[in-house]
Amino acid sequence: MVRPNRIWSPVHFHHVVSRGNRRADLFEEDLDFNSFLSILD
């Protein structure tokens, strides 16, 4: 069964979770993580 679309609002915060397989680290270096954050901005 398909999940219904989420409600989007520009005035609310969104909780974003990213995990690797078996909870492995997604970012090997601090630079990788900072690059990811800059994309989100």
N, C-alpha and C. Protein backbone atom coordinates (compact mmCIF):
# COMPACT_ATOMS: atom_id res chain seq x y z
N MET A 1 0.84 -1.17 0.00
CA MET A 1 0.00 0.00 0.00
C MET A 1 0.89 1.24 0.00
N VAL A 2 0.50 2.25 -0.72
CA VAL A 2 1.29 3.47 -0.86
C VAL A 2 1.05 4.38 0.34
N ARG A 3 2.13 4.99 0.81
CA ARG A 3 2.03 5.93 1.91
C ARG A 3 1.49 7.26 1.37
N PRO A 4 0.59 7.92 2.11
CA PRO A 4 0.07 9.21 1.64
C PRO A 4 1.16 10.28 1.66
N ASN A 5 1.01 11.29 0.81
CA ASN A 5 1.98 12.38 0.77
C ASN A 5 2.04 13.07 2.12
N ARG A 6 3.23 13.52 2.47
CA ARG A 6 3.41 14.25 3.71
C ARG A 6 2.96 15.69 3.53
N ILE A 7 2.55 16.30 4.62
CA ILE A 7 2.15 17.70 4.58
C ILE A 7 3.42 18.54 4.65
N TRP A 8 3.57 19.48 3.72
CA TRP A 8 4.76 20.34 3.68
C TRP A 8 4.35 21.75 4.05
N SER A 9 5.16 22.39 4.90
CA SER A 9 4.91 23.77 5.29
C SER A 9 6.25 24.49 5.41
N PRO A 10 6.37 25.68 4.84
CA PRO A 10 7.64 26.42 4.92
C PRO A 10 7.94 26.97 6.31
N VAL A 11 6.98 26.95 7.22
CA VAL A 11 7.19 27.53 8.54
C VAL A 11 7.43 26.48 9.63
N HIS A 12 7.51 25.21 9.26
CA HIS A 12 7.74 24.15 10.23
C HIS A 12 9.10 23.49 10.00
N PHE A 13 9.66 22.94 11.06
CA PHE A 13 10.93 22.23 10.97
C PHE A 13 10.69 20.80 10.50
N HIS A 14 11.71 20.23 9.87
CA HIS A 14 11.65 18.85 9.42
C HIS A 14 12.80 18.09 10.05
N HIS A 15 12.52 16.91 10.54
CA HIS A 15 13.54 16.06 11.14
C HIS A 15 14.07 15.13 10.05
N VAL A 16 15.35 15.28 9.72
CA VAL A 16 15.97 14.49 8.65
C VAL A 16 16.90 13.47 9.28
N VAL A 17 16.73 12.21 8.92
CA VAL A 17 17.57 11.14 9.45
C VAL A 17 18.24 10.43 8.28
N SER A 18 19.54 10.27 8.38
CA SER A 18 20.28 9.53 7.35
C SER A 18 21.14 8.49 8.04
N ARG A 19 21.00 7.26 7.62
CA ARG A 19 21.80 6.18 8.20
C ARG A 19 22.33 5.31 7.08
N GLY A 20 23.51 4.78 7.32
CA GLY A 20 24.07 3.83 6.38
C GLY A 20 23.55 2.43 6.68
N ASN A 21 23.92 1.51 5.85
CA ASN A 21 23.54 0.12 6.09
C ASN A 21 24.12 -0.36 7.40
N ARG A 22 23.31 -1.06 8.17
CA ARG A 22 23.71 -1.57 9.49
C ARG A 22 24.26 -0.45 10.39
N ARG A 23 23.68 0.74 10.21
CA ARG A 23 24.05 1.93 10.99
C ARG A 23 25.52 2.33 10.82
N ALA A 24 26.07 2.05 9.69
CA ALA A 24 27.45 2.46 9.41
C ALA A 24 27.51 3.98 9.25
N ASP A 25 28.67 4.55 9.52
CA ASP A 25 28.86 5.98 9.35
C ASP A 25 28.67 6.37 7.89
N LEU A 26 28.00 7.50 7.68
CA LEU A 26 27.80 7.99 6.32
C LEU A 26 28.94 8.89 5.87
N PHE A 27 29.59 9.54 6.81
CA PHE A 27 30.63 10.51 6.48
C PHE A 27 31.95 10.05 7.08
N GLU A 28 32.96 9.93 6.24
CA GLU A 28 34.27 9.49 6.71
C GLU A 28 35.07 10.66 7.28
N GLU A 29 34.88 11.84 6.73
CA GLU A 29 35.65 13.02 7.13
C GLU A 29 34.68 14.13 7.57
N ASP A 30 35.18 15.05 8.39
CA ASP A 30 34.38 16.21 8.78
C ASP A 30 34.01 17.05 7.55
N LEU A 31 34.90 17.11 6.58
CA LEU A 31 34.63 17.87 5.36
C LEU A 31 33.41 17.31 4.62
N ASP A 32 33.27 15.99 4.62
CA ASP A 32 32.11 15.36 3.97
C ASP A 32 30.81 15.80 4.65
N PHE A 33 30.83 15.80 5.96
CA PHE A 33 29.64 16.19 6.72
C PHE A 33 29.32 17.66 6.50
N ASN A 34 30.34 18.51 6.52
CA ASN A 34 30.12 19.94 6.30
C ASN A 34 29.60 20.22 4.90
N SER A 35 30.06 19.47 3.92
CA SER A 35 29.54 19.61 2.56
C SER A 35 28.06 19.24 2.51
N PHE A 36 27.70 18.18 3.21
CA PHE A 36 26.30 17.77 3.29
C PHE A 36 25.44 18.87 3.90
N LEU A 37 25.93 19.47 4.99
CA LEU A 37 25.17 20.53 5.64
C LEU A 37 25.01 21.74 4.73
N SER A 38 26.03 22.05 3.95
CA SER A 38 25.92 23.20 3.05
C SER A 38 24.88 22.95 1.96
N ILE A 39 24.71 21.70 1.55
CA ILE A 39 23.68 21.37 0.56
C ILE A 39 22.29 21.58 1.17
N LEU A 40 22.13 21.25 2.44
CA LEU A 40 20.83 21.42 3.09
C LEU A 40 20.46 22.89 3.27
N ASP A 41 21.47 23.74 3.41
CA ASP A 41 21.19 25.18 3.55
C ASP A 41 20.73 25.70 2.23
